[in-house]
Amino acid sequence: MSLERKDEHDHEGWMETKDLSPIEEVYLTTLIWLDKRLRIVDYLELLEDMYYKTNLQMPKSHTEQYNLDNKFWYWYPLYALGSFSTIAYVVASITGALLGFYYAPSTAAPSADAATSVAYSNVLFIMGDLNFGTFLRSLHRWSAQVMTAAVFLHMLRVYFTGAYKEPRELNWIIGIVLISLTMVFGYTGYLLPWSQLSYWAGQIGVEMALSIPLIGDWVAQLIFGGFTLGEATLQRMYILHVFLLPFVVTLVIAIHIGIVWMQGIAEPH
């Protein structure tokens, strides 16, 4: 019997002798299939060996260091801001997706005698005629504002407790990226109703882009579609807010939470 057939026989026999759930069986079958072709297990063992040889051990948390059975610090309000902002992001994403069914990013007038744009008319329809429309839009707006406030307070807590120091400096940088993306999220969403407030907020953004040395004109044309606001501006804000930022922010949040899970919560000392 060849080595490959022997390994296959061993894998099948091991799976038969174990009482596996359907999920575990699918997971192990997939892992075995990939391992036969890509030697994943060998490389994982190599990485594990390198990791322990260099003795890279994460520092113990406050609870582990002092053998505290009470998990009080995990529920301390200032240490729940990260989870709070994530929940607010999920709520904003769900409500935003529902609002997208009734919104069209167009500055054109819905009719010849109309004085408003299609985008603003859709917002008026959501707020006035759609069942639970006011509740839906308000929930989306407030969850976005709560997320921004929670992320800001979370960053302050991390800074003042020194949780940004080694070995968590990489996650601190990722957090800075996240709060920056959150601000861009809020700005692009602020322009979508295409009201007077939205228009002048967009005009301020154009002026800020033009004030950038050397590349100001290029940035204004790329982000706002020109030096004055119009159809191209609204469509760009819509694409950023609905199609680009959600995927980027979700990916960065997953990485951020994954690192926290691996390193543990930086608890107060």
C-alpha atoms as a PDB file:
ATOM      1  CA  MET A   1       0.000   0.000   0.000  1.00  0.00           C
ATOM      2  CA  SER A   2       1.419   3.372  -0.983  1.00  0.00           C
ATOM      3  CA  LEU A   3       1.953   6.129   1.553  1.00  0.00           C
ATOM      4  CA  GLU A   4      -0.859   8.205   0.039  1.00  0.00           C
ATOM      5  CA  ARG A   5      -3.310   5.288   0.228  1.00  0.00           C
ATOM      6  CA  LYS A   6      -2.199   4.513   3.781  1.00  0.00           C
ATOM      7  CA  ASP A   7      -2.857   8.122   4.870  1.00  0.00           C
ATOM      8  CA  GLU A   8      -6.228   8.067   3.173  1.00  0.00           C
ATOM      9  CA  HIS A   9      -7.098   4.783   4.900  1.00  0.00           C
ATOM     10  CA  ASP A  10      -5.994   6.168   8.280  1.00  0.00           C
ATOM     11  CA  HIS A  11      -8.081   9.323   7.821  1.00  0.00           C
ATOM     12  CA  GLU A  12     -11.185   7.367   6.877  1.00  0.00           C
ATOM     13  CA  GLY A  13     -10.739   4.929   9.756  1.00  0.00           C
ATOM     14  CA  TRP A  14     -10.257   7.756  12.246  1.00  0.00           C
ATOM     15  CA  MET A  15     -13.430   9.498  11.051  1.00  0.00           C
ATOM     16  CA  GLU A  16     -15.392   6.280  11.321  1.00  0.00           C
ATOM     17  CA  THR A  17     -14.310   5.639  14.913  1.00  0.00           C
ATOM     18  CA  LYS A  18     -15.199   9.133  16.086  1.00  0.00           C
ATOM     19  CA  ASP A  19     -18.702  10.335  16.789  1.00  0.00           C
ATOM     20  CA  LEU A  20     -18.628  13.497  14.681  1.00  0.00           C
ATOM     21  CA  SER A  21     -21.319  16.067  14.124  1.00  0.00           C
ATOM     22  CA  PRO A  22     -22.196  16.913  10.496  1.00  0.00           C
ATOM     23  CA  ILE A  23     -20.334  20.231  10.743  1.00  0.00           C
ATOM     24  CA  GLU A  24     -17.201  18.564  12.148  1.00  0.00           C
ATOM     25  CA  GLU A  25     -17.332  15.885   9.465  1.00  0.00           C
ATOM     26  CA  VAL A  26     -17.577  18.487   6.691  1.00  0.00           C
ATOM     27  CA  TYR A  27     -14.736  20.480   8.244  1.00  0.00           C
ATOM     28  CA  LEU A  28     -12.432  17.471   8.576  1.00  0.00           C
ATOM     29  CA  THR A  29     -13.281  16.170   5.108  1.00  0.00           C
ATOM     30  CA  THR A  30     -12.459  19.583   3.636  1.00  0.00           C
ATOM     31  CA  LEU A  31      -9.228  19.816   5.631  1.00  0.00           C
ATOM     32  CA  ILE A  32      -8.142  16.330   4.517  1.00  0.00           C
ATOM     33  CA  TRP A  33      -8.965  17.142   0.892  1.00  0.00           C
ATOM     34  CA  LEU A  34      -6.909  20.333   1.013  1.00  0.00           C
ATOM     35  CA  ASP A  35      -4.070  18.681   2.932  1.00  0.00           C
ATOM     36  CA  LYS A  36      -3.643  15.991   0.284  1.00  0.00           C
ATOM     37  CA  ARG A  37      -3.168  18.658  -2.359  1.00  0.00           C
ATOM     38  CA  LEU A  38      -1.550  21.596  -0.537  1.00  0.00           C
ATOM     39  CA  ARG A  39       0.087  19.997   2.553  1.00  0.00           C
ATOM     40  CA  ILE A  40      -1.681  22.502   4.800  1.00  0.00           C
ATOM     41  CA  VAL A  41      -1.128  20.503   8.002  1.00  0.00           C
ATOM     42  CA  ASP A  42       2.623  20.290   7.376  1.00  0.00           C
ATOM     43  CA  TYR A  43       2.906  24.057   6.999  1.00  0.00           C
ATOM     44  CA  LEU A  44       0.729  24.685  10.049  1.00  0.00           C
ATOM     45  CA  GLU A  45       2.983  22.423  12.110  1.00  0.00           C
ATOM     46  CA  LEU A  46       6.035  24.259  10.775  1.00  0.00           C
ATOM     47  CA  LEU A  47       4.561  27.637  11.734  1.00  0.00           C
ATOM     48  CA  GLU A  48       3.624  26.325  15.169  1.00  0.00           C
ATOM     49  CA  ASP A  49       7.149  25.020  15.704  1.00  0.00           C
ATOM     50  CA  MET A  50       8.668  28.363  14.663  1.00  0.00           C
ATOM     51  CA  TYR A  51       6.257  30.225  16.935  1.00  0.00           C
ATOM     52  CA  TYR A  52       7.155  28.288  20.078  1.00  0.00           C
ATOM     53  CA  LYS A  53      10.870  28.240  19.302  1.00  0.00           C
ATOM     54  CA  THR A  54      10.943  32.032  19.362  1.00  0.00           C
ATOM     55  CA  ASN A  55       8.905  31.942  22.615  1.00  0.00           C
ATOM     56  CA  LEU A  56       6.398  34.548  21.480  1.00  0.00           C
ATOM     57  CA  GLN A  57       3.898  34.267  24.283  1.00  0.00           C
ATOM     58  CA  MET A  58       1.128  36.811  24.739  1.00  0.00           C
ATOM     59  CA  PRO A  59       1.159  38.566  28.134  1.00  0.00           C
ATOM     60  CA  LYS A  60      -1.341  37.277  30.644  1.00  0.00           C
ATOM     61  CA  SER A  61      -4.462  39.278  31.239  1.00  0.00           C
ATOM     62  CA  HIS A  62      -5.295  40.833  34.600  1.00  0.00           C
ATOM     63  CA  THR A  63      -7.674  37.975  35.407  1.00  0.00           C
ATOM     64  CA  GLU A  64      -5.116  35.276  34.535  1.00  0.00           C
ATOM     65  CA  GLN A  65      -2.190  36.972  36.238  1.00  0.00           C
ATOM     66  CA  TYR A  66      -3.924  37.292  39.607  1.00  0.00           C
ATOM     67  CA  ASN A  67      -6.115  34.168  39.314  1.00  0.00           C
ATOM     68  CA  LEU A  68      -9.352  36.125  39.609  1.00  0.00           C
ATOM     69  CA  ASP A  69     -12.462  34.053  39.152  1.00  0.00           C
ATOM     70  CA  ASN A  70     -14.682  37.128  38.930  1.00  0.00           C
ATOM     71  CA  LYS A  71     -14.855  38.315  35.315  1.00  0.00           C
ATOM     72  CA  PHE A  72     -15.933  41.797  36.336  1.00  0.00           C
ATOM     73  CA  TRP A  73     -13.497  43.591  34.058  1.00  0.00           C
ATOM     74  CA  TYR A  74     -14.921  41.931  30.979  1.00  0.00           C
ATOM     75  CA  TRP A  75     -18.251  43.619  31.709  1.00  0.00           C
ATOM     76  CA  TYR A  76     -16.875  46.965  32.753  1.00  0.00           C
ATOM     77  CA  PRO A  77     -18.758  49.571  30.623  1.00  0.00           C
ATOM     78  CA  LEU A  78     -15.638  51.206  29.170  1.00  0.00           C
ATOM     79  CA  TYR A  79     -14.489  47.778  28.009  1.00  0.00           C
ATOM     80  CA  ALA A  80     -17.683  47.099  26.064  1.00  0.00           C
ATOM     81  CA  LEU A  81     -17.428  50.070  23.702  1.00  0.00           C
ATOM     82  CA  GLY A  82     -15.839  47.962  20.971  1.00  0.00           C
ATOM     83  CA  SER A  83     -18.684  45.459  21.045  1.00  0.00           C
ATOM     84  CA  PHE A  84     -21.190  48.321  21.287  1.00  0.00           C
ATOM     85  CA  SER A  85     -19.823  49.984  18.161  1.00  0.00           C
ATOM     86  CA  THR A  86     -19.881  46.652  16.302  1.00  0.00           C
ATOM     87  CA  ILE A  87     -23.543  46.097  17.204  1.00  0.00           C
ATOM     88  CA  ALA A  88     -24.361  49.644  16.061  1.00  0.00           C
ATOM     89  CA  TYR A  89     -22.572  48.945  12.774  1.00  0.00           C
ATOM     90  CA  VAL A  90     -24.627  45.789  12.213  1.00  0.00           C
ATOM     91  CA  VAL A  91     -27.870  47.697  12.893  1.00  0.00           C
ATOM     92  CA  ALA A  92     -26.823  50.512  10.541  1.00  0.00           C
ATOM     93  CA  SER A  93     -25.933  47.989   7.831  1.00  0.00           C
ATOM     94  CA  ILE A  94     -29.268  46.165   8.037  1.00  0.00           C
ATOM     95  CA  THR A  95     -31.370  49.342   8.119  1.00  0.00           C
ATOM     96  CA  GLY A  96     -29.267  50.883   5.343  1.00  0.00           C
ATOM     97  CA  ALA A  97     -29.852  47.857   3.119  1.00  0.00           C
ATOM     98  CA  LEU A  98     -33.607  48.187   3.693  1.00  0.00           C
ATOM     99  CA  LEU A  99     -33.524  51.899   2.925  1.00  0.00           C
ATOM    100  CA  GLY A 100     -31.685  51.143  -0.311  1.00  0.00           C
ATOM    101  CA  PHE A 101     -34.837  49.513  -1.708  1.00  0.00           C
ATOM    102  CA  TYR A 102     -36.568  52.917  -1.766  1.00  0.00           C
ATOM    103  CA  TYR A 103     -33.696  55.224  -2.762  1.00  0.00           C
ATOM    104  CA  ALA A 104     -32.222  56.240  -6.115  1.00  0.00           C
ATOM    105  CA  PRO A 105     -29.067  58.416  -6.331  1.00  0.00           C
ATOM    106  CA  SER A 106     -30.256  60.999  -8.858  1.00  0.00           C
ATOM    107  CA  THR A 107     -30.236  64.808  -8.786  1.00  0.00           C
ATOM    108  CA  ALA A 108     -32.733  65.027 -11.646  1.00  0.00           C
ATOM    109  CA  ALA A 109     -36.250  66.282 -11.000  1.00  0.00           C
ATOM    110  CA  PRO A 110     -38.864  63.490 -10.719  1.00  0.00           C
ATOM    111  CA  SER A 111     -41.219  65.492 -12.967  1.00  0.00           C
ATOM    112  CA  ALA A 112     -41.186  68.619 -15.102  1.00  0.00           C
ATOM    113  CA  ASP A 113     -42.846  70.812 -12.465  1.00  0.00           C
ATOM    114  CA  ALA A 114     -41.008  69.345  -9.459  1.00  0.00           C
ATOM    115  CA  ALA A 115     -38.678  71.557  -7.457  1.00  0.00           C
ATOM    116  CA  THR A 116     -36.773  68.738  -5.727  1.00  0.00           C
ATOM    117  CA  SER A 117     -34.474  65.961  -6.885  1.00  0.00           C
ATOM    118  CA  VAL A 118     -35.296  62.270  -7.180  1.00  0.00           C
ATOM    119  CA  ALA A 119     -33.025  61.514  -4.226  1.00  0.00           C
ATOM    120  CA  TYR A 120     -34.728  64.023  -1.935  1.00  0.00           C
ATOM    121  CA  SER A 121     -38.174  62.935  -3.137  1.00  0.00           C
ATOM    122  CA  ASN A 122     -37.300  59.363  -2.170  1.00  0.00           C
ATOM    123  CA  VAL A 123     -36.311  60.535   1.300  1.00  0.00           C
ATOM    124  CA  LEU A 124     -39.633  62.393   1.617  1.00  0.00           C
ATOM    125  CA  PHE A 125     -41.453  59.234   0.521  1.00  0.00           C
ATOM    126  CA  ILE A 126     -39.607  57.160   3.119  1.00  0.00           C
ATOM    127  CA  MET A 127     -40.361  59.657   5.877  1.00  0.00           C
ATOM    128  CA  GLY A 128     -43.958  60.365   4.922  1.00  0.00           C
ATOM    129  CA  ASP A 129     -45.570  57.511   3.004  1.00  0.00           C
ATOM    130  CA  LEU A 130     -43.612  54.335   3.692  1.00  0.00           C
ATOM    131  CA  ASN A 131     -44.874  52.168   6.553  1.00  0.00           C
ATOM    132  CA  PHE A 132     -42.389  52.476   9.442  1.00  0.00           C
ATOM    133  CA  GLY A 133     -40.239  54.610   7.127  1.00  0.00           C
ATOM    134  CA  THR A 134     -39.572  57.299   9.706  1.00  0.00           C
ATOM    135  CA  PHE A 135     -38.632  54.659  12.270  1.00  0.00           C
ATOM    136  CA  LEU A 136     -36.347  52.897   9.765  1.00  0.00           C
ATOM    137  CA  ARG A 137     -34.485  56.027   8.708  1.00  0.00           C
ATOM    138  CA  SER A 138     -34.213  57.284  12.288  1.00  0.00           C
ATOM    139  CA  LEU A 139     -32.837  53.935  13.427  1.00  0.00           C
ATOM    140  CA  HIS A 140     -30.273  54.032  10.630  1.00  0.00           C
ATOM    141  CA  ARG A 141     -29.223  57.589  11.438  1.00  0.00           C
ATOM    142  CA  TRP A 142     -29.014  57.088  15.195  1.00  0.00           C
ATOM    143  CA  SER A 143     -27.161  53.782  14.939  1.00  0.00           C
ATOM    144  CA  ALA A 144     -24.597  55.481  12.686  1.00  0.00           C
ATOM    145  CA  GLN A 145     -24.171  58.323  15.179  1.00  0.00           C
ATOM    146  CA  VAL A 146     -23.940  55.911  18.106  1.00  0.00           C
ATOM    147  CA  MET A 147     -21.304  53.915  16.214  1.00  0.00           C
ATOM    148  CA  THR A 148     -19.228  57.057  15.602  1.00  0.00           C
ATOM    149  CA  ALA A 149     -19.443  58.105  19.258  1.00  0.00           C
ATOM    150  CA  ALA A 150     -18.676  54.588  20.521  1.00  0.00           C
ATOM    151  CA  VAL A 151     -15.639  54.226  18.256  1.00  0.00           C
ATOM    152  CA  PHE A 152     -14.316  57.622  19.394  1.00  0.00           C
ATOM    153  CA  LEU A 153     -14.781  56.779  23.083  1.00  0.00           C
ATOM    154  CA  HIS A 154     -13.251  53.350  22.476  1.00  0.00           C
ATOM    155  CA  MET A 155     -10.142  54.977  21.033  1.00  0.00           C
ATOM    156  CA  LEU A 156      -9.909  57.312  24.033  1.00  0.00           C
ATOM    157  CA  ARG A 157     -10.162  54.389  26.455  1.00  0.00           C
ATOM    158  CA  VAL A 158      -7.454  52.476  24.603  1.00  0.00           C
ATOM    159  CA  TYR A 159      -5.161  55.510  24.644  1.00  0.00           C
ATOM    160  CA  PHE A 160      -5.578  56.526  28.272  1.00  0.00           C
ATOM    161  CA  THR A 161      -5.216  52.961  29.575  1.00  0.00           C
ATOM    162  CA  GLY A 162      -2.086  52.366  27.477  1.00  0.00           C
ATOM    163  CA  ALA A 163      -3.666  49.450  25.620  1.00  0.00           C
ATOM    164  CA  TYR A 164      -2.040  50.621  22.387  1.00  0.00           C
ATOM    165  CA  LYS A 165       1.425  49.560  23.540  1.00  0.00           C
ATOM    166  CA  GLU A 166       3.335  46.419  22.569  1.00  0.00           C
ATOM    167  CA  PRO A 167       2.150  43.852  21.550  1.00  0.00           C
ATOM    168  CA  ARG A 168      -1.090  45.628  20.584  1.00  0.00           C
ATOM    169  CA  GLU A 169       0.356  48.471  18.501  1.00  0.00           C
ATOM    170  CA  LEU A 170      -0.745  46.844  15.225  1.00  0.00           C
ATOM    171  CA  ASN A 171      -4.355  46.706  16.380  1.00  0.00           C
ATOM    172  CA  TRP A 172      -4.097  50.349  17.462  1.00  0.00           C
ATOM    173  CA  ILE A 173      -3.129  51.311  13.899  1.00  0.00           C
ATOM    174  CA  ILE A 174      -6.020  49.239  12.564  1.00  0.00           C
ATOM    175  CA  GLY A 175      -8.304  51.087  14.989  1.00  0.00           C
ATOM    176  CA  ILE A 176      -7.120  54.420  13.608  1.00  0.00           C
ATOM    177  CA  VAL A 177      -7.952  53.175  10.117  1.00  0.00           C
ATOM    178  CA  LEU A 178     -11.388  52.094  11.337  1.00  0.00           C
ATOM    179  CA  ILE A 179     -12.279  55.437  12.901  1.00  0.00           C
ATOM    180  CA  SER A 180     -11.147  57.178   9.706  1.00  0.00           C
ATOM    181  CA  LEU A 181     -13.355  54.901   7.607  1.00  0.00           C
ATOM    182  CA  THR A 182     -16.221  55.545  10.035  1.00  0.00           C
ATOM    183  CA  MET A 183     -15.916  59.293   9.429  1.00  0.00           C
ATOM    184  CA  VAL A 184     -15.924  58.738   5.663  1.00  0.00           C
ATOM    185  CA  PHE A 185     -18.969  56.501   6.115  1.00  0.00           C
ATOM    186  CA  GLY A 186     -20.796  59.270   7.949  1.00  0.00           C
ATOM    187  CA  TYR A 187     -19.844  61.959   5.424  1.00  0.00           C
ATOM    188  CA  THR A 188     -20.924  59.987   2.364  1.00  0.00           C
ATOM    189  CA  GLY A 189     -24.203  59.072   4.043  1.00  0.00           C
ATOM    190  CA  TYR A 190     -24.794  62.719   5.000  1.00  0.00           C
ATOM    191  CA  LEU A 191     -24.759  63.714   1.315  1.00  0.00           C
ATOM    192  CA  LEU A 192     -27.198  61.060   0.079  1.00  0.00           C
ATOM    193  CA  PRO A 193     -30.486  62.883   0.970  1.00  0.00           C
ATOM    194  CA  TRP A 194     -29.304  65.748  -1.280  1.00  0.00           C
ATOM    195  CA  SER A 195     -30.955  68.371   0.886  1.00  0.00           C
ATOM    196  CA  GLN A 196     -29.636  71.882   1.464  1.00  0.00           C
ATOM    197  CA  LEU A 197     -27.506  70.624   4.361  1.00  0.00           C
ATOM    198  CA  SER A 198     -26.174  67.812   2.171  1.00  0.00           C
ATOM    199  CA  TYR A 199     -25.388  70.166  -0.709  1.00  0.00           C
ATOM    200  CA  TRP A 200     -23.409  72.643   1.342  1.00  0.00           C
ATOM    201  CA  ALA A 201     -21.631  69.887   3.238  1.00  0.00           C
ATOM    202  CA  GLY A 202     -20.589  68.544  -0.157  1.00  0.00           C
ATOM    203  CA  GLN A 203     -19.437  71.992  -1.243  1.00  0.00           C
ATOM    204  CA  ILE A 204     -17.271  72.259   1.866  1.00  0.00           C
ATOM    205  CA  GLY A 205     -15.783  68.870   0.952  1.00  0.00           C
ATOM    206  CA  VAL A 206     -14.919  70.131  -2.527  1.00  0.00           C
ATOM    207  CA  GLU A 207     -13.201  73.203  -1.091  1.00  0.00           C
ATOM    208  CA  MET A 208     -11.236  71.029   1.354  1.00  0.00           C
ATOM    209  CA  ALA A 209     -10.148  68.750  -1.471  1.00  0.00           C
ATOM    210  CA  LEU A 210      -9.049  71.721  -3.599  1.00  0.00           C
ATOM    211  CA  SER A 211      -6.954  73.038  -0.692  1.00  0.00           C
ATOM    212  CA  ILE A 212      -4.682  69.974  -0.797  1.00  0.00           C
ATOM    213  CA  PRO A 213      -1.322  70.997  -2.280  1.00  0.00           C
ATOM    214  CA  LEU A 214      -0.349  69.645  -5.722  1.00  0.00           C
ATOM    215  CA  ILE A 215      -3.055  66.973  -5.993  1.00  0.00           C
ATOM    216  CA  GLY A 216      -6.096  68.992  -4.862  1.00  0.00           C
ATOM    217  CA  ASP A 217      -7.672  69.287  -8.315  1.00  0.00           C
ATOM    218  CA  TRP A 218      -7.192  65.580  -8.984  1.00  0.00           C
ATOM    219  CA  VAL A 219      -8.712  64.597  -5.616  1.00  0.00           C
ATOM    220  CA  ALA A 220     -11.758  66.839  -6.161  1.00  0.00           C
ATOM    221  CA  GLN A 221     -12.390  65.372  -9.605  1.00  0.00           C
ATOM    222  CA  LEU A 222     -11.926  61.806  -8.359  1.00  0.00           C
ATOM    223  CA  ILE A 223     -14.105  61.998  -5.246  1.00  0.00           C
ATOM    224  CA  PHE A 224     -16.673  64.654  -6.190  1.00  0.00           C
ATOM    225  CA  GLY A 225     -16.708  64.326  -9.971  1.00  0.00           C
ATOM    226  CA  GLY A 226     -15.517  67.888 -10.553  1.00  0.00           C
ATOM    227  CA  PHE A 227     -15.228  71.277  -8.917  1.00  0.00           C
ATOM    228  CA  THR A 228     -18.987  71.762  -8.555  1.00  0.00           C
ATOM    229  CA  LEU A 229     -21.589  69.382  -7.179  1.00  0.00           C
ATOM    230  CA  GLY A 230     -23.878  67.451  -9.490  1.00  0.00           C
ATOM    231  CA  GLU A 231     -25.095  64.050 -10.586  1.00  0.00           C
ATOM    232  CA  ALA A 232     -21.567  62.630 -10.613  1.00  0.00           C
ATOM    233  CA  THR A 233     -21.048  63.727  -6.983  1.00  0.00           C
ATOM    234  CA  LEU A 234     -24.156  61.986  -5.693  1.00  0.00           C
ATOM    235  CA  GLN A 235     -23.423  58.798  -7.608  1.00  0.00           C
ATOM    236  CA  ARG A 236     -19.873  58.691  -6.243  1.00  0.00           C
ATOM    237  CA  MET A 237     -21.109  59.160  -2.677  1.00  0.00           C
ATOM    238  CA  TYR A 238     -23.687  56.407  -3.217  1.00  0.00           C
ATOM    239  CA  ILE A 239     -21.103  53.964  -4.613  1.00  0.00           C
ATOM    240  CA  LEU A 240     -18.719  54.669  -1.732  1.00  0.00           C
ATOM    241  CA  HIS A 241     -21.430  54.424   0.926  1.00  0.00           C
ATOM    242  CA  VAL A 242     -23.232  51.339  -0.365  1.00  0.00           C
ATOM    243  CA  PHE A 243     -20.812  49.271  -2.434  1.00  0.00           C
ATOM    244  CA  LEU A 244     -17.239  50.019  -1.339  1.00  0.00           C
ATOM    245  CA  LEU A 245     -17.107  51.052   2.316  1.00  0.00           C
ATOM    246  CA  PRO A 246     -19.319  48.266   3.744  1.00  0.00           C
ATOM    247  CA  PHE A 247     -17.049  45.530   2.403  1.00  0.00           C
ATOM    248  CA  VAL A 248     -13.834  47.315   3.407  1.00  0.00           C
ATOM    249  CA  VAL A 249     -15.087  48.195   6.909  1.00  0.00           C
ATOM    250  CA  THR A 250     -16.476  44.700   7.515  1.00  0.00           C
ATOM    251  CA  LEU A 251     -13.132  43.150   6.535  1.00  0.00           C
ATOM    252  CA  VAL A 252     -11.121  45.521   8.748  1.00  0.00           C
ATOM    253  CA  ILE A 253     -13.509  44.961  11.688  1.00  0.00           C
ATOM    254  CA  ALA A 254     -13.117  41.189  11.297  1.00  0.00           C
ATOM    255  CA  ILE A 255      -9.320  41.528  11.370  1.00  0.00           C
ATOM    256  CA  HIS A 256      -9.512  43.881  14.357  1.00  0.00           C
ATOM    257  CA  ILE A 257     -11.747  41.532  16.353  1.00  0.00           C
ATOM    258  CA  GLY A 258      -9.627  38.529  15.350  1.00  0.00           C
ATOM    259  CA  ILE A 259      -6.486  40.143  16.760  1.00  0.00           C
ATOM    260  CA  VAL A 260      -8.332  41.021  19.994  1.00  0.00           C
ATOM    261  CA  TRP A 261      -9.454  37.398  20.248  1.00  0.00           C
ATOM    262  CA  MET A 262      -5.871  36.140  19.794  1.00  0.00           C
ATOM    263  CA  GLN A 263      -4.234  38.642  22.163  1.00  0.00           C
ATOM    264  CA  GLY A 264      -6.974  38.931  24.769  1.00  0.00           C
ATOM    265  CA  ILE A 265      -8.562  42.066  26.166  1.00  0.00           C
ATOM    266  CA  ALA A 266      -6.093  44.592  27.539  1.00  0.00           C
ATOM    267  CA  GLU A 267      -7.613  44.880  30.984  1.00  0.00           C
ATOM    268  CA  PRO A 268      -6.803  47.579  33.569  1.00  0.00           C
ATOM    269  CA  HIS A 269      -3.927  46.966  35.978  1.00  0.00           C
END
